[in-house]
Amino acid sequence: MQPVRILLVEDDPAHQNLLKQALVTNRPFVDVCVVSTGDEFRKAIQRQRFDCALVDYKLPDINGDELLRAVENDLHGCPALVISSSETQQVAVSSIRSGSLDFIPKTEALEGDMLWQRIQVAIRKTGKKRAEQRKIERRQGQLARLAETDQLTGLYNRRYLDRQLQDGTYQRDRRRKMSCIMLDIDHFKEINDIYGHAVGDTLLKDIAETVRTSLSGGDAALRWGGDEFLILHSSTGLCEAWVWSRGLKNHIEHRSFRAGRKDIDVTVSVGIINFPTTKMGQEMIDLTDQAMYLAKRQGRNRICTWPMVAVEQAMVKIQRDGPDDPARRRIEFLASCDGIFGPTQKQQLWDHCKTVGAVVNKLGQVMDIPKKNLETFQLAGLFHDLGKSVIPEDLLAQQAPLTKQQWPVINSHSDFGADMALQLGTVREVAACIRDHHRPYSQAYATDSFVRLGARIICAADALTAMTEERPYRPARSHEEALAELTRGSGAQFDPQVVAAAHTIEPLRSVKVKAA
């Protein structure tokens, strides 16, 4: 039989012994803990759990009814019975009203098994009440989960997030960062129109399951509405969230989704923002939504971050209110915008790019490139790292070597920069040089010879400049060491003609960089 622990509060030693014997005789499974005052009772009930409490009505420091009212929150469902030498109706009524399940005169309590039987009844009543309460709580929990769950996909819905925000769940941990990731299925309306809503619903469930299996501990995924999904992802920074989102996007892109007997290809557009958990709120979700719609506007099947939205807004302002041509004045104006770029982004967006532009000019002069062509190449050199303005600052400033997953993020800056350069008003040849400047010399080019030459000059100028600059992950090299590295890469990474020209120019520290 299960052990039964009873707490008895009785100040009379003789009654203590009689009541204890009435309970434990022939019942080895019963354990009685005896205290003498209300204060001792309160300490005992706070310290450990009991199956039942027996309280003498008349105690030296307090009456039993007053004691039960005082310890109501400490009983934690433990049934209490009041015993008393007095059998007056007033004492019995006061005991019951104080929370006692039963009132037992001591004369009855000491008769045979009467006390034990009354205790058993009280324990059974309490057990039944607890079971019913647990059943109610389980049912309420099920209803709450159903109310916060999207019926089609099984993911959370907006009501779940509303409760989390009202409870302040995310704001409690002030040390963490998190990311909001908004995912939207590209051309979902066309899928519904062509294949029917049943196929669309199946696709939504498949995407939801793909998202669910990608989540880590502490993450949450919601069906935000229609074909949009919101993911709350625990992340150390924007780069980590980008890498994680890129893995999810690629997984969806390379899956085949069934539409009857046919497979259909599906892509998604993704928006991301990273922030301290203390800032979690509707504003962060709205900014994530803006990032996702930027991905839609830029052609779908891509990832955009909130900093990209901020940069685009700045560029729109430049086009509307900023300096007129030439375009180089616009990039200088962009680099001067406060609150958009981190220190590493600023250094690479402007200081590094100005130096590369100057080195391109030096190399072009040595190679006798016509002045008009050289002006185009120099402008492309000035813009060549423009795309790094939308690469996460935490990735650019990272001191550890880049991981396999991080390299695609860094490498995407050439395409971003080419598109941004066009938006700032450059000619297409400049954008093409930016897009191609990281391609190795040994790789076949699909572009014309003019762009190919410009990209190769920028590639060498960028490498020569970068190697002689101090970076978070390494110290600066000397001009001679940088030239030796170019020589080692000649014919593979770098154009031999450009490398030969680099050996004739003066060290970078003496190159004068003119303001644009």
Protein backbone atom coordinates (compact mmCIF):
# COMPACT_ATOMS: atom_id res chain seq x y z
CA MET A 1 0.00 0.00 0.00
CA GLN A 2 1.18 3.52 -0.72
CA PRO A 3 2.70 5.33 2.29
CA VAL A 4 0.42 7.91 3.91
CA ARG A 5 2.01 10.94 5.56
CA ILE A 6 -0.08 12.79 8.13
CA LEU A 7 0.76 16.04 9.91
CA LEU A 8 -0.77 16.31 13.41
CA VAL A 9 -0.77 19.58 15.36
CA GLU A 10 -1.71 18.95 19.02
CA ASP A 11 -0.26 20.59 22.11
CA ASP A 12 -1.41 18.02 24.71
CA PRO A 13 1.24 15.21 24.95
CA ALA A 14 -1.33 12.64 26.10
CA HIS A 15 -3.65 13.42 23.19
CA GLN A 16 -0.69 13.40 20.83
CA ASN A 17 0.12 9.82 21.84
CA LEU A 18 -3.51 8.62 21.72
CA LEU A 19 -4.21 10.12 18.32
CA LYS A 20 -0.96 8.82 16.87
CA GLN A 21 -1.64 5.30 18.14
CA ALA A 22 -5.15 5.41 16.68
CA LEU A 23 -3.58 6.04 13.28
CA VAL A 24 -0.47 3.84 13.18
CA THR A 25 -1.67 0.71 15.05
CA ASN A 26 -1.69 -2.15 12.50
CA ARG A 27 -0.89 0.37 9.75
CA PRO A 28 2.87 0.32 9.09
CA PHE A 29 2.31 2.39 5.96
CA VAL A 30 1.11 5.40 7.99
CA ASP A 31 3.71 7.99 9.01
CA VAL A 32 2.60 10.65 11.51
CA CYS A 33 4.57 13.86 12.01
CA VAL A 34 3.62 15.61 15.29
CA VAL A 35 4.00 19.34 16.07
CA SER A 36 2.68 21.33 19.03
CA THR A 37 1.96 24.88 17.80
CA GLY A 38 0.49 26.71 14.86
CA ASP A 39 3.89 28.19 14.01
CA GLU A 40 5.50 24.72 13.88
CA PHE A 41 2.63 23.50 11.73
CA ARG A 42 3.14 26.37 9.27
CA LYS A 43 6.87 25.65 8.95
CA ALA A 44 6.29 21.92 8.49
CA ILE A 45 3.65 22.37 5.76
CA GLN A 46 5.93 24.77 3.89
CA ARG A 47 8.91 22.42 4.15
CA GLN A 48 7.33 19.19 2.87
CA ARG A 49 4.16 17.68 1.45
CA PHE A 50 1.59 15.65 3.44
CA ASP A 51 -1.39 13.54 2.44
CA CYS A 52 -3.56 14.87 5.27
CA ALA A 53 -3.40 17.36 8.15
CA LEU A 54 -5.08 16.97 11.59
CA VAL A 55 -5.47 20.25 13.42
CA ASP A 56 -6.49 20.62 17.05
CA TYR A 57 -8.93 23.51 17.34
CA LYS A 58 -7.44 24.94 20.51
CA LEU A 59 -3.70 25.59 20.21
CA PRO A 60 -1.51 27.67 22.50
CA ASP A 61 -0.71 30.33 19.87
CA ILE A 62 -3.75 30.25 17.54
CA ASN A 63 -7.14 28.63 16.98
CA GLY A 64 -7.39 25.86 14.39
CA ASP A 65 -9.83 27.73 12.14
CA GLU A 66 -7.59 30.80 12.09
CA LEU A 67 -4.55 28.62 11.37
CA LEU A 68 -6.18 26.96 8.35
CA ARG A 69 -7.13 30.32 6.89
CA ALA A 70 -3.55 31.55 7.40
CA VAL A 71 -1.90 28.56 5.67
CA GLU A 72 -4.47 28.12 2.88
CA ASN A 73 -1.92 28.84 0.13
CA ASP A 74 0.69 26.55 1.72
CA LEU A 75 -1.49 23.44 1.90
CA HIS A 76 -1.22 22.83 -1.90
CA GLY A 77 -4.35 20.68 -1.91
CA CYS A 78 -3.54 18.77 1.29
CA PRO A 79 -6.88 17.98 2.99
CA ALA A 80 -7.24 19.27 6.56
CA LEU A 81 -9.50 17.98 9.35
CA VAL A 82 -10.17 19.77 12.63
CA ILE A 83 -10.40 17.79 15.88
CA SER A 84 -11.55 19.28 19.17
CA SER A 85 -12.47 18.42 22.72
CA SER A 86 -15.37 20.85 22.30
CA GLU A 87 -18.41 19.59 20.41
CA THR A 88 -20.27 22.89 20.18
CA GLN A 89 -21.93 23.75 16.88
CA GLN A 90 -20.09 27.06 16.71
CA VAL A 91 -16.67 25.35 16.77
CA ALA A 92 -17.75 22.81 14.12
CA VAL A 93 -19.21 25.46 11.79
CA SER A 94 -16.19 27.75 12.18
CA SER A 95 -13.86 24.82 11.39
CA ILE A 96 -15.70 23.87 8.21
CA ARG A 97 -15.87 27.49 7.05
CA SER A 98 -12.12 27.84 7.52
CA GLY A 99 -11.47 25.15 4.89
CA SER A 100 -11.54 21.94 6.92
CA LEU A 101 -13.04 18.99 5.06
CA ASP A 102 -14.41 17.54 8.29
CA PHE A 103 -14.86 18.25 11.99
CA ILE A 104 -14.26 15.35 14.41
CA PRO A 105 -14.83 15.49 18.17
CA LYS A 106 -11.92 13.86 20.00
CA THR A 107 -14.25 11.40 21.69
CA GLU A 108 -15.21 10.03 18.26
CA ALA A 109 -11.66 10.26 16.89
CA LEU A 110 -10.43 7.82 19.54
CA GLU A 111 -13.16 5.23 18.92
CA GLY A 112 -11.83 2.28 16.90
CA ASP A 113 -11.08 3.08 13.27
CA MET A 114 -13.28 6.19 13.15
CA LEU A 115 -10.38 8.67 12.73
CA TRP A 116 -8.67 6.59 10.05
CA GLN A 117 -11.91 6.14 8.10
CA ARG A 118 -12.61 9.89 8.15
CA ILE A 119 -9.04 10.55 6.95
CA GLN A 120 -9.47 8.05 4.10
CA VAL A 121 -12.68 9.76 3.03
CA ALA A 122 -10.92 13.16 3.04
CA ILE A 123 -7.97 11.82 1.02
CA ARG A 124 -10.29 10.19 -1.53
CA LYS A 125 -12.34 13.36 -1.92
CA THR A 126 -9.23 15.43 -2.41
CA GLY A 127 -7.77 12.91 -4.87
CA LYS A 128 -10.97 12.93 -6.90
CA LYS A 129 -11.05 16.71 -6.86
CA ARG A 130 -7.43 16.88 -8.01
CA ALA A 131 -8.09 14.40 -10.81
CA GLU A 132 -11.08 16.43 -11.98
CA GLN A 133 -9.02 19.62 -11.82
CA ARG A 134 -6.22 18.03 -13.84
CA LYS A 135 -8.76 16.87 -16.40
CA ILE A 136 -10.17 20.38 -16.64
CA GLU A 137 -6.67 21.86 -16.97
CA ARG A 138 -5.74 19.34 -19.66
CA ARG A 139 -8.90 20.16 -21.58
CA GLN A 140 -8.28 23.87 -21.20
CA GLY A 141 -4.71 23.35 -22.41
CA GLN A 142 -5.96 21.40 -25.43
CA LEU A 143 -8.48 24.11 -26.26
CA ALA A 144 -5.81 26.79 -25.83
CA ARG A 145 -3.45 24.89 -28.15
CA LEU A 146 -6.21 24.43 -30.71
CA ALA A 147 -7.02 28.13 -30.55
CA GLU A 148 -3.34 28.94 -31.20
CA THR A 149 -2.83 26.36 -33.96
CA ASP A 150 -3.46 26.73 -37.67
CA GLN A 151 -5.84 23.91 -38.60
CA LEU A 152 -4.37 23.30 -42.06
CA THR A 153 -0.64 23.21 -41.34
CA GLY A 154 -0.48 22.43 -37.62
CA LEU A 155 1.85 25.40 -37.05
CA TYR A 156 1.09 28.18 -34.58
CA ASN A 157 -1.12 31.05 -35.65
CA ARG A 158 -1.15 34.77 -34.84
CA ARG A 159 -3.02 34.24 -31.58
CA TYR A 160 -0.04 32.30 -30.25
CA LEU A 161 2.32 35.19 -30.93
CA ASP A 162 -0.14 37.70 -29.47
CA ARG A 163 -0.13 35.75 -26.20
CA GLN A 164 3.67 35.48 -26.22
CA LEU A 165 3.96 39.24 -26.68
CA GLN A 166 1.39 39.99 -23.99
CA ASP A 167 3.15 37.65 -21.56
CA GLY A 168 6.52 39.24 -22.37
CA THR A 169 7.96 35.76 -22.97
CA TYR A 170 10.68 36.86 -25.39
CA GLN A 171 11.65 40.04 -23.53
CA ARG A 172 12.63 38.21 -20.33
CA ASP A 173 16.04 37.06 -21.55
CA ARG A 174 17.97 40.30 -22.01
CA ARG A 175 21.17 38.57 -23.16
CA ARG A 176 19.86 36.77 -26.22
CA LYS A 177 19.32 37.78 -29.81
CA MET A 178 16.69 36.42 -32.12
CA SER A 179 15.62 36.73 -35.73
CA CYS A 180 12.23 37.16 -37.33
CA ILE A 181 12.13 35.38 -40.68
CA MET A 182 9.19 35.90 -43.04
CA LEU A 183 8.81 33.32 -45.80
CA ASP A 184 6.38 33.71 -48.73
CA ILE A 185 5.70 31.14 -51.46
CA ASP A 186 6.41 32.62 -54.89
CA HIS A 187 3.52 32.68 -57.41
CA PHE A 188 1.24 30.79 -55.02
CA LYS A 189 -1.91 32.26 -56.59
CA GLU A 190 -0.88 30.86 -59.97
CA ILE A 191 -0.39 27.42 -58.40
CA ASN A 192 -3.91 27.60 -56.98
CA ASP A 193 -5.32 28.80 -60.31
CA ILE A 194 -3.56 26.13 -62.39
CA TYR A 195 -3.72 23.08 -60.11
CA GLY A 196 -6.62 23.89 -57.77
CA HIS A 197 -6.90 24.82 -54.12
CA ALA A 198 -6.55 21.21 -52.96
CA VAL A 199 -3.04 21.12 -54.43
CA GLY A 200 -2.37 24.54 -52.91
CA ASP A 201 -3.41 23.27 -49.48
CA THR A 202 -1.18 20.21 -49.85
CA LEU A 203 1.72 22.46 -50.82
CA LEU A 204 1.15 24.65 -47.74
CA LYS A 205 1.22 21.55 -45.52
CA ASP A 206 4.40 20.29 -47.18
CA ILE A 207 6.14 23.66 -46.79
CA ALA A 208 4.99 23.83 -43.15
CA GLU A 209 6.45 20.39 -42.47
CA THR A 210 9.73 21.39 -44.13
CA VAL A 211 9.87 24.47 -41.91
CA ARG A 212 8.98 22.47 -38.81
CA THR A 213 11.73 19.91 -39.34
CA SER A 214 14.27 22.74 -39.80
CA LEU A 215 13.57 24.32 -36.41
CA SER A 216 16.03 24.13 -33.53
CA GLY A 217 15.30 24.27 -29.82
CA GLY A 218 13.65 27.53 -28.83
CA ASP A 219 12.45 28.28 -32.39
CA ALA A 220 8.78 28.69 -33.30
CA ALA A 221 7.02 28.71 -36.67
CA LEU A 222 3.67 30.30 -37.47
CA ARG A 223 1.42 30.35 -40.47
CA TRP A 224 1.13 34.09 -40.70
CA GLY A 225 -1.63 34.13 -43.27
CA GLY A 226 -2.32 32.78 -46.75
CA ASP A 227 1.03 31.56 -48.09
CA GLU A 228 3.18 33.44 -45.57
CA PHE A 229 5.08 31.82 -42.72
CA LEU A 230 6.78 33.58 -39.79
CA ILE A 231 9.71 31.91 -38.04
CA LEU A 232 11.08 33.10 -34.69
CA HIS A 233 14.65 31.82 -34.74
CA SER A 234 17.23 31.95 -31.95
CA SER A 235 20.37 33.34 -33.58
CA THR A 236 23.62 35.01 -32.61
CA GLY A 237 23.49 37.54 -35.42
CA LEU A 238 22.13 38.46 -38.83
CA CYS A 239 24.70 36.34 -40.66
CA GLU A 240 23.75 33.18 -38.77
CA ALA A 241 20.07 33.84 -39.51
CA TRP A 242 20.89 34.43 -43.18
CA VAL A 243 22.85 31.15 -43.42
CA TRP A 244 20.04 29.25 -41.69
CA SER A 245 17.38 30.81 -43.92
CA ARG A 246 19.45 30.12 -47.02
CA GLY A 247 19.59 26.44 -46.10
CA LEU A 248 15.81 26.35 -45.67
CA LYS A 249 15.20 28.27 -48.92
CA ASN A 250 17.50 25.96 -50.89
CA HIS A 251 15.89 22.87 -49.37
CA ILE A 252 12.48 24.05 -50.53
CA GLU A 253 13.80 25.08 -53.95
CA HIS A 254 15.40 21.68 -54.63
CA ARG A 255 12.41 19.64 -53.47
CA SER A 256 9.79 18.34 -55.85
CA PHE A 257 6.22 18.93 -54.76
CA ARG A 258 3.47 16.73 -56.14
CA ALA A 259 0.49 18.12 -58.03
CA GLY A 260 -1.49 15.02 -58.95
CA ARG A 261 0.85 13.05 -61.19
CA LYS A 262 3.09 16.00 -61.86
CA ASP A 263 5.99 17.47 -59.87
CA ILE A 264 6.07 21.24 -59.51
CA ASP A 265 9.04 23.40 -58.57
CA VAL A 266 8.49 25.86 -55.74
CA THR A 267 10.58 28.80 -54.59
CA VAL A 268 10.18 31.19 -51.68
CA SER A 269 11.08 34.80 -50.94
CA VAL A 270 12.51 35.47 -47.49
CA GLY A 271 12.85 38.54 -45.28
CA ILE A 272 15.00 38.67 -42.12
CA ILE A 273 15.65 41.00 -39.23
CA ASN A 274 17.91 40.29 -36.23
CA PHE A 275 17.51 42.08 -32.90
CA PRO A 276 17.84 41.71 -29.11
CA THR A 277 14.93 39.78 -27.61
CA THR A 278 14.04 42.83 -25.50
CA LYS A 279 12.86 44.57 -28.70
CA MET A 280 10.54 41.78 -29.79
CA GLY A 281 7.21 43.25 -30.83
CA GLN A 282 4.95 44.10 -33.74
CA GLU A 283 7.44 46.65 -35.08
CA MET A 284 10.04 43.93 -35.67
CA ILE A 285 7.48 41.81 -37.53
CA ASP A 286 6.53 44.79 -39.72
CA LEU A 287 10.20 45.36 -40.61
CA THR A 288 10.57 41.66 -41.46
CA ASP A 289 7.55 41.97 -43.73
CA GLN A 290 9.18 44.90 -45.53
CA ALA A 291 12.33 42.84 -46.07
CA MET A 292 10.30 39.99 -47.52
CA TYR A 293 8.46 42.32 -49.92
CA LEU A 294 11.83 43.72 -51.03
CA ALA A 295 12.82 40.15 -51.96
CA LYS A 296 9.59 39.94 -53.98
CA ARG A 297 10.29 43.23 -55.77
CA GLN A 298 13.85 42.20 -56.61
CA GLY A 299 12.75 39.12 -58.49
CA ARG A 300 11.66 36.53 -55.89
CA ASN A 301 13.51 33.37 -54.84
CA ARG A 302 15.96 35.35 -52.72
CA ILE A 303 16.72 36.53 -49.21
CA CYS A 304 16.58 40.18 -48.17
CA THR A 305 17.33 41.62 -44.77
CA TRP A 306 16.04 44.72 -43.02
CA PRO A 307 19.43 46.48 -43.54
CA MET A 308 18.88 45.95 -47.29
CA VAL A 309 15.55 47.76 -46.97
CA ALA A 310 17.28 50.62 -45.14
CA VAL A 311 19.93 50.85 -47.88
CA GLU A 312 17.28 50.77 -50.61
CA GLN A 313 15.36 53.55 -48.87
CA ALA A 314 18.57 55.60 -48.71
CA MET A 315 19.20 55.01 -52.42
CA VAL A 316 15.67 56.05 -53.32
CA LYS A 317 16.24 59.22 -51.31
CA ILE A 318 19.52 59.81 -53.15
CA GLN A 319 17.77 59.44 -56.50
CA ARG A 320 15.09 61.89 -55.36
CA ASP A 321 16.99 64.43 -53.26
CA GLY A 322 20.68 63.54 -53.51
CA PRO A 323 23.46 64.92 -55.71
CA ASP A 324 23.21 64.80 -59.47
CA ASP A 325 25.59 62.85 -61.68
CA PRO A 326 28.32 61.69 -61.70
CA ALA A 327 27.39 58.48 -59.89
CA ARG A 328 30.53 58.60 -57.73
CA ARG A 329 29.06 61.56 -55.84
CA ARG A 330 26.08 59.40 -55.05
CA ILE A 331 28.10 56.58 -53.51
CA GLU A 332 29.95 59.11 -51.39
CA PHE A 333 26.60 60.47 -50.28
CA LEU A 334 25.39 56.92 -49.54
CA ALA A 335 28.49 56.13 -47.47
CA SER A 336 27.87 59.23 -45.38
CA CYS A 337 24.33 58.15 -44.38
CA ASP A 338 24.22 57.73 -40.59
CA GLY A 339 22.68 54.80 -38.77
CA ILE A 340 22.72 52.38 -41.72
CA PHE A 341 26.23 50.90 -41.84
CA GLY A 342 28.53 49.39 -39.25
CA PRO A 343 32.21 50.43 -39.05
CA THR A 344 33.47 47.52 -41.17
CA GLN A 345 30.81 48.13 -43.82
CA LYS A 346 31.75 51.82 -43.97
CA GLN A 347 35.46 51.06 -44.27
CA GLN A 348 34.93 48.62 -47.13
CA LEU A 349 32.17 50.64 -48.78
CA TRP A 350 34.19 53.82 -49.05
CA ASP A 351 37.79 53.87 -47.75
CA HIS A 352 38.72 50.53 -49.30
CA CYS A 353 36.82 51.26 -52.52
CA LYS A 354 38.48 54.65 -53.02
CA THR A 355 41.89 53.03 -52.73
CA VAL A 356 40.92 50.27 -55.19
CA GLY A 357 39.67 52.90 -57.63
CA ALA A 358 43.03 54.71 -57.38
CA VAL A 359 44.98 51.46 -57.88
CA VAL A 360 42.82 50.61 -60.92
CA ASN A 361 43.77 54.00 -62.35
CA LYS A 362 47.48 53.33 -61.74
CA LEU A 363 47.30 49.87 -63.34
CA GLY A 364 45.35 51.23 -66.33
CA GLN A 365 47.92 53.93 -66.95
CA VAL A 366 50.76 51.37 -66.93
CA MET A 367 48.74 49.18 -69.34
CA ASP A 368 48.06 52.14 -71.69
CA ILE A 369 44.29 51.76 -71.46
CA PRO A 370 42.44 54.58 -73.25
CA LYS A 371 41.31 57.34 -70.90
CA LYS A 372 37.60 56.86 -71.55
CA ASN A 373 37.80 53.13 -70.85
CA LEU A 374 39.94 53.70 -67.79
CA GLU A 375 37.36 56.12 -66.35
CA THR A 376 34.76 53.35 -66.63
CA PHE A 377 37.07 50.84 -64.92
CA GLN A 378 37.97 53.31 -62.18
CA LEU A 379 34.29 53.98 -61.48
CA ALA A 380 33.67 50.22 -61.33
CA GLY A 381 36.58 49.94 -58.87
CA LEU A 382 35.02 52.66 -56.76
CA PHE A 383 31.73 50.72 -56.73
CA HIS A 384 33.15 47.18 -56.64
CA ASP A 385 32.29 46.50 -52.96
CA LEU A 386 29.02 48.42 -52.95
CA GLY A 387 27.20 45.12 -52.34
CA LYS A 388 28.96 44.72 -48.99
CA SER A 389 26.69 47.47 -47.68
CA VAL A 390 23.99 44.80 -47.45
CA ILE A 391 26.20 41.96 -46.18
CA PRO A 392 25.78 41.57 -42.38
CA GLU A 393 28.25 43.66 -40.42
CA ASP A 394 28.86 40.75 -38.03
CA LEU A 395 30.08 38.62 -40.95
CA LEU A 396 32.38 41.30 -42.38
CA ALA A 397 33.88 41.92 -38.93
CA GLN A 398 34.21 38.22 -38.09
CA GLN A 399 37.67 37.29 -36.85
CA ALA A 400 37.37 33.54 -37.42
CA PRO A 401 37.81 32.06 -40.91
CA LEU A 402 34.64 31.91 -42.98
CA THR A 403 32.72 28.65 -42.91
CA LYS A 404 31.50 26.74 -45.93
CA GLN A 405 27.99 28.07 -45.26
CA GLN A 406 29.16 31.69 -44.92
CA TRP A 407 31.09 31.93 -48.19
CA PRO A 408 27.96 32.07 -50.40
CA VAL A 409 26.72 35.03 -48.32
CA ILE A 410 29.99 36.93 -48.86
CA ASN A 411 30.16 35.98 -52.54
CA SER A 412 26.66 37.35 -53.16
CA HIS A 413 27.91 40.91 -52.70
CA SER A 414 29.08 41.19 -56.34
CA ASP A 415 25.59 40.63 -57.70
CA PHE A 416 24.06 42.91 -55.07
CA GLY A 417 26.64 45.59 -55.87
CA ALA A 418 26.03 45.39 -59.62
CA ASP A 419 22.29 45.84 -59.17
CA MET A 420 22.80 48.72 -56.73
CA ALA A 421 25.27 50.44 -59.06
CA LEU A 422 22.65 50.42 -61.83
CA GLN A 423 20.15 51.87 -59.38
CA LEU A 424 22.59 54.68 -58.55
CA GLY A 425 22.84 55.58 -62.24
CA THR A 426 25.98 53.84 -63.55
CA VAL A 427 26.26 52.46 -67.07
CA ARG A 428 25.79 48.75 -67.68
CA GLU A 429 29.51 48.19 -68.34
CA VAL A 430 30.32 49.37 -64.81
CA ALA A 431 27.72 47.01 -63.33
CA ALA A 432 29.05 44.12 -65.43
CA CYS A 433 32.62 44.72 -64.20
CA ILE A 434 31.37 44.70 -60.60
CA ARG A 435 29.43 41.48 -61.15
CA ASP A 436 32.45 39.70 -62.66
CA HIS A 437 35.39 41.10 -60.67
CA HIS A 438 35.69 38.08 -58.35
CA ARG A 439 35.73 35.52 -61.15
CA PRO A 440 39.16 33.86 -61.49
CA TYR A 441 41.25 34.57 -64.60
CA SER A 442 41.21 30.89 -65.61
CA GLN A 443 37.41 30.75 -65.68
CA ALA A 444 35.67 31.26 -69.01
CA TYR A 445 33.79 34.57 -69.23
CA ALA A 446 30.43 35.02 -70.88
CA THR A 447 30.88 38.81 -71.04
CA ASP A 448 32.57 40.89 -73.75
CA SER A 449 36.31 41.61 -73.83
CA PHE A 450 35.90 45.19 -72.53
CA VAL A 451 34.11 44.01 -69.36
CA ARG A 452 36.49 41.07 -69.04
CA LEU A 453 39.52 43.36 -68.97
CA GLY A 454 37.93 45.76 -66.48
CA ALA A 455 36.91 42.94 -64.14
CA ARG A 456 40.43 41.47 -64.20
CA ILE A 457 42.05 44.79 -63.38
CA ILE A 458 39.60 45.35 -60.49
CA CYS A 459 40.19 41.78 -59.25
CA ALA A 460 43.95 42.37 -58.94
CA ALA A 461 43.55 45.90 -57.54
CA ASP A 462 41.07 44.65 -54.94
CA ALA A 463 43.36 41.80 -53.84
CA LEU A 464 46.45 44.03 -53.69
CA THR A 465 44.60 46.64 -51.63
CA ALA A 466 42.91 44.13 -49.29
CA MET A 467 46.14 42.30 -48.51
CA THR A 468 47.85 45.53 -47.44
CA GLU A 469 44.93 46.55 -45.19
CA GLU A 470 44.46 45.32 -41.65
CA ARG A 471 41.40 43.12 -41.37
CA PRO A 472 39.64 41.71 -38.27
CA TYR A 473 40.88 38.20 -39.06
CA ARG A 474 44.53 39.06 -39.96
CA PRO A 475 47.17 41.82 -39.87
CA ALA A 476 48.12 43.84 -42.95
CA ARG A 477 50.81 42.50 -45.28
CA SER A 478 53.57 44.53 -46.86
CA HIS A 479 53.35 45.72 -50.47
CA GLU A 480 56.07 43.24 -51.44
CA GLU A 481 54.25 40.32 -49.75
CA ALA A 482 51.04 41.26 -51.55
CA LEU A 483 52.84 41.38 -54.92
CA ALA A 484 54.32 37.94 -54.22
CA GLU A 485 50.83 36.58 -53.57
CA LEU A 486 49.58 38.07 -56.84
CA THR A 487 52.48 36.41 -58.64
CA ARG A 488 51.63 33.03 -57.13
CA GLY A 489 48.07 33.41 -58.42
CA SER A 490 49.10 34.65 -61.88
CA GLY A 491 47.45 32.64 -64.64
CA ALA A 492 44.91 31.07 -62.29
CA GLN A 493 43.28 33.74 -60.15
CA PHE A 494 44.84 36.83 -61.72
CA ASP A 495 45.55 38.04 -65.25
CA PRO A 496 49.36 37.80 -65.88
CA GLN A 497 49.29 41.10 -67.77
CA VAL A 498 47.69 42.87 -64.82
CA VAL A 499 50.10 41.22 -62.35
CA ALA A 500 53.04 42.44 -64.42
CA ALA A 501 51.61 45.99 -64.32
CA ALA A 502 51.16 45.73 -60.53
CA HIS A 503 54.90 45.14 -60.10
CA THR A 504 55.61 48.54 -61.65
CA ILE A 505 53.37 50.72 -59.48
CA GLU A 506 54.52 52.36 -56.27
CA PRO A 507 53.56 50.93 -52.83
CA LEU A 508 49.99 51.64 -51.83
CA ARG A 509 50.91 53.82 -48.90
CA SER A 510 52.19 56.43 -51.31
CA VAL A 511 49.15 56.29 -53.59
CA LYS A 512 47.22 59.51 -53.15
CA VAL A 513 43.49 58.96 -53.04
CA LYS A 514 41.52 61.93 -54.30
CA ALA A 515 38.06 62.56 -52.90
CA ALA A 516 35.33 61.80 -55.37
